[in-house]
Protein backbone atom coordinates (compact mmCIF):
# COMPACT_ATOMS: atom_id res chain seq x y z
CA MET A 1 59.40 98.13 156.93
CA PRO A 2 58.56 101.39 154.67
CA PRO A 3 61.20 103.77 154.29
CA LEU A 4 61.53 106.67 157.04
CA PRO A 5 59.57 109.62 155.47
CA PRO A 6 62.07 112.49 154.26
CA ALA A 7 62.41 115.16 157.06
CA PRO A 8 60.78 118.58 156.44
CA VAL A 9 62.88 121.38 155.03
CA PRO A 10 62.54 124.23 157.20
CA SER A 11 60.57 127.47 156.12
CA ARG A 12 63.03 129.73 158.31
CA SER A 13 66.84 129.98 158.32
CA ALA A 14 69.00 128.84 161.39
CA ALA A 15 69.72 132.95 161.32
CA ASP A 16 66.35 133.84 161.86
CA TRP A 17 65.23 130.82 164.45
CA ASN A 18 68.46 132.08 166.53
CA ASP A 19 66.82 135.50 166.74
CA ALA A 20 63.45 134.17 167.47
CA ILE A 21 65.39 132.53 170.68
CA ARG A 22 67.13 135.53 171.36
CA VAL A 23 64.22 137.49 172.21
CA LEU A 24 62.80 134.84 174.04
CA ALA A 25 65.80 134.94 176.34
CA ARG A 26 65.68 138.42 176.26
CA THR A 27 62.28 138.80 177.59
CA ALA A 28 63.12 136.26 180.59
CA TRP A 29 65.49 138.97 182.04
CA GLY A 30 67.85 136.89 183.60
CA ARG A 31 65.27 134.86 185.55
CA PRO A 32 64.17 131.37 184.91
CA PHE A 33 61.90 130.19 182.01
CA THR A 34 58.58 129.56 183.05
CA ASP A 35 56.93 126.60 181.98
CA ALA A 36 55.57 127.73 178.84
CA GLU A 37 58.66 130.04 177.76
CA ARG A 38 60.47 126.75 178.64
CA LYS A 39 58.24 124.53 175.98
CA GLU A 40 58.81 127.42 173.42
CA TYR A 41 62.49 127.65 173.87
CA HIS A 42 62.64 123.73 173.04
CA LEU A 43 60.33 123.99 169.97
CA LEU A 44 62.44 127.15 169.07
CA LEU A 45 66.06 124.84 169.58
CA VAL A 46 64.01 121.96 167.87
CA GLY A 47 63.62 124.19 164.74
CA TRP A 48 67.06 125.79 164.93
CA ALA A 49 68.76 122.92 164.76
CA ALA A 50 66.92 121.43 161.51
CA ALA A 51 67.39 124.49 159.84
CA ASP A 52 70.95 124.39 160.74
CA ARG A 53 71.35 120.65 159.53
CA ALA A 54 69.70 121.98 156.24
CA GLU A 55 71.54 124.74 155.61
CA THR A 56 75.13 122.57 156.38
CA ALA A 57 73.78 119.90 154.03
CA ALA A 58 73.35 122.03 151.04
């Protein structure tokens, strides 16, 4: 079985990802996310987690 490829290095810091998550949350103004916003939130959360892991490992 071939080895797994290395994880991509995030191009944004965890703080940048977190800021984008906060902006998205503020645009919802307390209402539930739409399907599109929920999908965007998930992508932002995955990006934040990858950046956080990379920063923690460094």
